[in-house]
Amino acid sequence: MNQKIRVVFFGTSEIAAEILESMLDINIEVVAVVSQPDKSVGRKQVITMTPVKTVALKHNLLIFQPNKVIEIQEKLKKLTPDTIVTCAYGQKLPQEILSICPNKCFNFHASLLPKYRGGAPIQYSIWKGENETGISIMQMIQEMDAGEYYIQRKIIINDNETYATLLKKLIELGKKMVKEDLLKVINNEYTPIKQDYANVTFASIISKDDEHIKVTDSAIEIERQIRAFTPSPGCYLILNDIRYKIIEARLLTVNDHFPVTLIIHPPGHIVHVGNEGITFQTGSKFLVITKIQKEGKKPIDASLYFKNKLPDIKTGMLFK
């Protein structure tokens, strides 16, 4: 039997945890796992382990959680790994770490490079209206997500895709690529392909400002943004200084049986509250909110504002 390849794995999120779990089923010895430090989560600020740490502890793997990766450089060197594999780690690896395994540092990136380099490729692929996405296994270099890629596999993005549903599909694709492609990449069985720099786009980590829906955007842009941010991090509108998280929305259709005046309203203007939900003017066309969450409250069907005559959202008010 061939000697197992010694790997240090860097990862933090759910998709990274699934990749790590799959790696343990092939001819690889994970000699250490590196994940982001545990963080406080939710209103009660409960200290929560990363998904990758949970998998590492389950399998009794050596785990590091440095604030800065450079802090563990010497410890990783002493492990004499053959290769470094990363997926959704959340921090750029310095050259000192990449030099531990020269030309043997590989990353699972959830986009079809050169599109959507950066920390939020899954959200951006929905938000920007792509019809397909996938996973690229690429060589890591100092420039972010700029290395040559060895293999790309694609999946279709459906019209109703959310971040949650697309993540699930990408996890299954990633697990398949671990089993079918990773060892071939490590063993140089694939020819590396240079990225086309003319088509490079970026997917920066979602900021707090990104979460605030811009009512001047078109209805279709806002609808895609809502799906891209569901369930996390979520996006919102402001009404009377109160934040409303918009969980589900759809475009207005010919089957909506209520009169919408042809007068162009200011973006954000609520034109109708009814059984179908809350309809407002965007920068182009109308959007129907079907599920909403008032700050400090539970999510509800937006139709309840009409059925229960809830007073805080009414026709004529203005979302911001």
Protein backbone atom coordinates (compact mmCIF):
# COMPACT_ATOMS: atom_id res chain seq x y z
CA MET A 1 0.00 0.00 0.00
CA ASN A 2 1.27 3.47 -0.90
CA GLN A 3 2.33 5.71 1.97
CA LYS A 4 -0.31 8.26 2.80
CA ILE A 5 0.23 11.87 1.73
CA ARG A 6 0.78 14.12 4.76
CA VAL A 7 -1.51 17.15 4.59
CA VAL A 8 -2.08 20.26 6.68
CA PHE A 9 -5.65 21.44 6.12
CA PHE A 10 -6.76 25.05 6.50
CA GLY A 11 -10.51 25.73 6.70
CA THR A 12 -13.25 27.24 8.81
CA SER A 13 -16.77 27.12 7.36
CA GLU A 14 -19.35 24.41 6.71
CA ILE A 15 -18.15 23.61 3.20
CA ALA A 16 -14.57 23.33 4.50
CA ALA A 17 -15.72 20.93 7.22
CA GLU A 18 -17.31 18.65 4.61
CA ILE A 19 -14.17 18.78 2.47
CA LEU A 20 -12.07 17.81 5.50
CA GLU A 21 -14.41 14.93 6.36
CA SER A 22 -14.12 13.60 2.79
CA MET A 23 -10.33 13.85 2.81
CA LEU A 24 -10.20 11.42 5.71
CA ASP A 25 -11.68 8.73 3.44
CA ILE A 26 -8.89 8.81 0.83
CA ASN A 27 -5.13 8.09 0.88
CA ILE A 28 -4.32 11.18 2.94
CA GLU A 29 -3.06 11.65 6.48
CA VAL A 30 -4.24 14.96 7.91
CA VAL A 31 -1.36 15.82 10.25
CA ALA A 32 -2.91 19.10 11.42
CA VAL A 33 -5.94 21.30 10.95
CA VAL A 34 -5.85 25.11 11.08
CA SER A 35 -9.11 27.02 11.63
CA GLN A 36 -10.16 30.51 12.64
CA PRO A 37 -10.54 31.21 16.38
CA ASP A 38 -13.90 30.40 17.98
CA LYS A 39 -16.31 33.36 17.93
CA SER A 40 -19.24 34.70 19.90
CA VAL A 41 -22.50 34.02 18.04
CA GLY A 42 -26.06 35.33 18.42
CA ARG A 43 -27.67 37.71 20.87
CA LYS A 44 -26.33 35.80 23.85
CA GLN A 45 -22.82 35.85 22.34
CA VAL A 46 -22.24 32.15 22.92
CA ILE A 47 -18.67 31.06 22.13
CA THR A 48 -19.09 28.67 19.17
CA MET A 49 -16.60 26.31 17.55
CA THR A 50 -16.04 26.55 13.81
CA PRO A 51 -17.51 23.68 11.75
CA VAL A 52 -13.97 22.58 10.85
CA LYS A 53 -12.90 22.46 14.50
CA THR A 54 -15.93 20.27 15.25
CA VAL A 55 -14.80 17.74 12.61
CA ALA A 56 -11.19 17.90 13.78
CA LEU A 57 -12.13 17.13 17.38
CA LYS A 58 -14.44 14.31 16.27
CA HIS A 59 -11.47 12.61 14.57
CA ASN A 60 -8.88 13.54 17.24
CA LEU A 61 -6.87 15.65 14.80
CA LEU A 62 -4.25 18.15 15.90
CA ILE A 63 -5.81 21.61 15.60
CA PHE A 64 -4.45 25.16 15.65
CA GLN A 65 -6.53 28.36 15.85
CA PRO A 66 -4.07 31.26 15.60
CA ASN A 67 -5.12 34.86 15.25
CA LYS A 68 -2.36 35.16 12.64
CA VAL A 69 -1.13 32.11 10.74
CA ILE A 70 2.49 33.21 10.94
CA GLU A 71 2.36 32.42 14.67
CA ILE A 72 2.36 28.68 13.96
CA GLN A 73 4.89 28.62 11.11
CA GLU A 74 7.56 26.68 13.01
CA LYS A 75 5.05 24.19 14.42
CA LEU A 76 3.76 23.40 10.93
CA LYS A 77 7.31 23.00 9.58
CA LYS A 78 8.07 20.40 12.24
CA LEU A 79 5.12 18.31 11.02
CA THR A 80 6.90 17.94 7.62
CA PRO A 81 3.73 17.95 5.51
CA ASP A 82 3.82 16.95 1.85
CA THR A 83 1.14 19.44 0.90
CA ILE A 84 -1.22 22.12 2.21
CA VAL A 85 -4.90 22.05 1.26
CA THR A 86 -7.26 24.93 2.02
CA CYS A 87 -10.96 25.64 1.66
CA ALA A 88 -12.82 28.72 2.93
CA TYR A 89 -10.24 29.42 5.63
CA GLY A 90 -10.98 33.14 5.83
CA GLN A 91 -7.44 34.48 5.96
CA LYS A 92 -4.76 34.90 3.32
CA LEU A 93 -1.78 32.60 3.82
CA PRO A 94 1.57 34.44 3.87
CA GLN A 95 4.44 33.31 1.68
CA GLU A 96 6.24 31.91 4.73
CA ILE A 97 3.45 29.34 5.13
CA LEU A 98 3.18 28.57 1.41
CA SER A 99 6.95 27.97 1.37
CA ILE A 100 6.57 25.04 3.77
CA CYS A 101 5.29 23.01 0.78
CA PRO A 102 6.65 24.73 -2.35
CA ASN A 103 4.27 24.33 -5.32
CA LYS A 104 2.16 21.93 -3.26
CA CYS A 105 -0.42 24.28 -1.75
CA PHE A 106 -3.89 23.77 -3.18
CA ASN A 107 -7.19 25.55 -2.61
CA PHE A 108 -10.79 24.50 -3.17
CA HIS A 109 -12.41 27.75 -4.38
CA ALA A 110 -16.19 27.90 -4.86
CA SER A 111 -16.27 29.67 -8.22
CA LEU A 112 -15.32 29.16 -11.84
CA LEU A 113 -12.09 31.14 -11.78
CA PRO A 114 -11.19 33.76 -12.89
CA LYS A 115 -14.70 34.84 -11.83
CA TYR A 116 -15.29 35.81 -8.21
CA ARG A 117 -11.92 35.72 -6.56
CA GLY A 118 -12.29 36.55 -2.88
CA GLY A 119 -14.23 35.61 0.21
CA ALA A 120 -17.87 35.52 -0.95
CA PRO A 121 -18.01 33.76 -4.34
CA ILE A 122 -21.19 31.78 -3.56
CA GLN A 123 -23.20 34.87 -2.65
CA TYR A 124 -21.89 36.85 -5.61
CA SER A 125 -22.74 34.16 -8.15
CA ILE A 126 -26.43 34.48 -7.18
CA TRP A 127 -26.38 38.24 -6.56
CA LYS A 128 -24.89 38.99 -9.98
CA GLY A 129 -27.27 36.70 -11.87
CA GLU A 130 -24.95 33.90 -12.98
CA ASN A 131 -26.49 30.81 -14.56
CA GLU A 132 -23.75 28.49 -13.37
CA THR A 133 -20.96 28.23 -10.84
CA GLY A 134 -18.74 25.47 -9.51
CA ILE A 135 -15.50 24.64 -7.74
CA SER A 136 -11.94 25.18 -8.92
CA ILE A 137 -8.96 23.37 -7.39
CA MET A 138 -6.12 25.82 -7.80
CA GLN A 139 -2.47 26.36 -6.94
CA MET A 140 -2.06 28.89 -4.14
CA ILE A 141 0.25 31.83 -4.74
CA GLN A 142 0.77 35.11 -2.88
CA GLU A 143 -1.80 36.99 -4.97
CA MET A 144 -5.33 36.17 -3.80
CA ASP A 145 -6.99 33.36 -5.80
CA ALA A 146 -4.73 34.13 -8.76
CA GLY A 147 -2.94 30.82 -9.17
CA GLU A 148 -3.34 28.34 -12.00
CA TYR A 149 -6.22 25.91 -11.64
CA TYR A 150 -6.07 22.18 -12.28
CA ILE A 151 -9.72 21.18 -12.53
CA GLN A 152 -13.09 22.93 -12.56
CA ARG A 153 -16.46 21.27 -12.21
CA LYS A 154 -19.71 23.13 -12.86
CA ILE A 155 -23.26 23.16 -11.50
CA ILE A 156 -26.37 25.05 -12.62
CA ILE A 157 -27.77 27.93 -10.55
CA ASN A 158 -31.57 27.69 -10.51
CA ASP A 159 -33.86 30.73 -10.71
CA ASN A 160 -34.97 30.29 -7.09
CA GLU A 161 -31.52 29.45 -5.70
CA THR A 162 -30.61 30.81 -2.27
CA TYR A 163 -27.24 30.85 -0.58
CA ALA A 164 -28.39 27.88 1.54
CA THR A 165 -29.48 25.72 -1.40
CA LEU A 166 -26.46 26.56 -3.55
CA LEU A 167 -24.08 25.89 -0.66
CA LYS A 168 -25.60 22.43 -0.24
CA LYS A 169 -25.04 21.66 -3.94
CA LEU A 170 -21.46 22.95 -3.81
CA ILE A 171 -20.72 20.83 -0.74
CA GLU A 172 -21.77 17.71 -2.63
CA LEU A 173 -19.65 18.77 -5.62
CA GLY A 174 -16.66 19.44 -3.38
CA LYS A 175 -16.91 16.02 -1.73
CA LYS A 176 -17.02 14.42 -5.18
CA MET A 177 -13.91 16.36 -6.24
CA VAL A 178 -12.02 15.27 -3.13
CA LYS A 179 -12.63 11.64 -4.04
CA GLU A 180 -12.11 11.93 -7.80
CA ASP A 181 -9.65 14.79 -8.32
CA LEU A 182 -7.62 15.78 -5.26
CA LEU A 183 -5.02 13.02 -5.33
CA LYS A 184 -4.61 13.50 -9.08
CA VAL A 185 -3.93 17.20 -8.50
CA ILE A 186 -1.41 16.44 -5.74
CA ASN A 187 0.31 13.85 -7.95
CA ASN A 188 0.58 16.25 -10.93
CA GLU A 189 -1.77 14.24 -13.13
CA TYR A 190 -3.60 17.37 -14.33
CA THR A 191 -2.09 20.10 -16.48
CA PRO A 192 -2.43 23.50 -14.77
CA ILE A 193 -4.39 26.17 -16.63
CA LYS A 194 -3.57 29.87 -16.37
CA GLN A 195 -6.42 32.18 -15.47
CA ASP A 196 -7.61 34.65 -18.10
CA TYR A 197 -6.77 37.97 -16.47
CA ALA A 198 -9.07 39.84 -18.86
CA ASN A 199 -12.08 38.14 -17.22
CA VAL A 200 -11.11 38.48 -13.56
CA THR A 201 -13.90 39.58 -11.20
CA PHE A 202 -13.91 39.85 -7.42
CA ALA A 203 -16.27 38.79 -4.63
CA SER A 204 -15.27 40.74 -1.55
CA ILE A 205 -16.47 39.55 1.86
CA ILE A 206 -20.02 40.82 2.43
CA SER A 207 -19.92 44.09 4.40
CA LYS A 208 -22.53 45.57 6.75
CA ASP A 209 -23.25 48.17 4.08
CA ASP A 210 -23.96 45.40 1.52
CA GLU A 211 -26.67 44.03 3.82
CA HIS A 212 -28.68 47.26 3.53
CA ILE A 213 -30.83 46.95 0.40
CA LYS A 214 -30.53 49.94 -1.91
CA VAL A 215 -34.10 50.78 -2.99
CA THR A 216 -32.72 52.50 -6.10
CA ASP A 217 -31.52 49.13 -7.43
CA SER A 218 -33.84 47.33 -9.84
CA ALA A 219 -36.40 44.79 -8.61
CA ILE A 220 -34.48 41.90 -10.13
CA GLU A 221 -31.19 43.03 -8.55
CA ILE A 222 -32.81 43.27 -5.11
CA GLU A 223 -34.58 39.92 -5.50
CA ARG A 224 -31.26 38.26 -6.34
CA GLN A 225 -29.56 39.99 -3.41
CA ILE A 226 -32.19 38.66 -0.99
CA ARG A 227 -31.69 35.10 -2.24
CA ALA A 228 -27.91 35.48 -2.18
CA PHE A 229 -27.98 36.58 1.48
CA THR A 230 -30.50 33.98 2.71
CA PRO A 231 -30.19 32.77 5.40
CA SER A 232 -26.89 34.48 6.12
CA PRO A 233 -25.93 37.25 6.53
CA GLY A 234 -29.41 38.49 5.54
CA CYS A 235 -30.37 41.89 4.17
CA TYR A 236 -32.77 44.57 5.31
CA LEU A 237 -34.76 47.74 4.68
CA ILE A 238 -35.39 50.64 7.06
CA LEU A 239 -38.86 52.03 7.80
CA ASN A 240 -39.42 54.71 10.47
CA ASP A 241 -35.93 54.00 11.85
CA ILE A 242 -36.78 50.32 12.37
CA ARG A 243 -34.88 47.57 10.58
CA TYR A 244 -36.87 44.93 8.67
CA LYS A 245 -35.03 41.84 7.48
CA ILE A 246 -36.33 40.79 4.06
CA ILE A 247 -36.29 36.99 3.95
CA GLU A 248 -38.23 36.27 0.76
CA ALA A 249 -39.42 38.40 -2.16
CA ARG A 250 -40.46 37.98 -5.76
CA LEU A 251 -41.00 40.06 -8.85
CA LEU A 252 -44.48 41.40 -9.59
CA THR A 253 -46.28 39.26 -12.19
CA VAL A 254 -49.37 39.55 -14.39
CA ASN A 255 -51.10 37.11 -12.03
CA ASP A 256 -51.08 39.62 -9.17
CA HIS A 257 -54.66 40.84 -8.98
CA PHE A 258 -54.38 44.31 -7.55
CA PRO A 259 -54.12 47.71 -9.21
CA VAL A 260 -50.67 49.21 -9.34
CA THR A 261 -50.80 52.75 -10.62
CA LEU A 262 -48.68 53.58 -13.64
CA ILE A 263 -47.41 56.65 -11.81
CA ILE A 264 -43.71 56.32 -11.08
CA HIS A 265 -43.24 56.47 -7.33
CA PRO A 266 -40.02 57.26 -5.47
CA PRO A 267 -37.90 54.13 -4.94
CA GLY A 268 -38.92 52.50 -1.66
CA HIS A 269 -42.55 53.71 -1.85
CA ILE A 270 -44.98 51.01 -0.62
CA VAL A 271 -47.69 50.82 -3.29
CA HIS A 272 -49.78 47.95 -1.89
CA VAL A 273 -50.20 45.79 1.21
CA GLY A 274 -52.38 42.75 0.54
CA ASN A 275 -52.78 38.97 0.52
CA GLU A 276 -49.76 38.59 -1.75
CA GLY A 277 -47.47 40.57 0.57
CA ILE A 278 -45.94 44.03 0.62
CA THR A 279 -45.23 45.59 -2.78
CA PHE A 280 -42.87 48.53 -3.18
CA GLN A 281 -41.36 50.58 -5.98
CA THR A 282 -37.69 49.94 -6.73
CA GLY A 283 -35.34 51.80 -9.04
CA SER A 284 -36.94 49.78 -11.84
CA LYS A 285 -40.28 47.93 -11.49
CA PHE A 286 -41.95 46.54 -8.37
CA LEU A 287 -40.91 43.94 -5.80
CA VAL A 288 -43.30 41.90 -3.64
CA ILE A 289 -42.01 41.04 -0.15
CA THR A 290 -43.48 37.69 0.92
CA LYS A 291 -41.60 37.00 4.18
CA ILE A 292 -40.30 39.65 6.55
CA GLN A 293 -38.83 39.99 10.04
CA LYS A 294 -39.23 43.14 12.11
CA GLU A 295 -36.27 43.98 14.31
CA GLY A 296 -36.60 42.05 17.58
CA LYS A 297 -39.45 39.88 16.28
CA LYS A 298 -39.82 36.48 14.59
CA PRO A 299 -40.12 36.09 10.79
CA ILE A 300 -43.70 36.20 9.47
CA ASP A 301 -45.51 35.98 6.15
CA ALA A 302 -45.78 39.52 4.82
CA SER A 303 -49.47 38.91 4.05
CA LEU A 304 -50.17 39.14 7.80
CA TYR A 305 -49.73 42.90 7.58
CA PHE A 306 -52.95 42.91 5.55
CA LYS A 307 -54.81 40.04 7.22
CA ASN A 308 -54.09 41.19 10.79
CA LYS A 309 -54.14 44.92 9.96
CA LEU A 310 -50.68 45.41 11.51
CA PRO A 311 -50.13 49.15 11.75
CA ASP A 312 -46.38 49.60 11.23
CA ILE A 313 -46.31 48.94 7.46
CA LYS A 314 -48.97 50.60 5.29
CA THR A 315 -49.47 51.72 1.71
CA GLY A 316 -47.81 55.07 1.10
CA MET A 317 -44.95 54.58 3.53
CA LEU A 318 -41.36 54.68 2.32
CA PHE A 319 -38.70 52.03 2.78
CA LYS A 320 -35.13 53.31 2.93
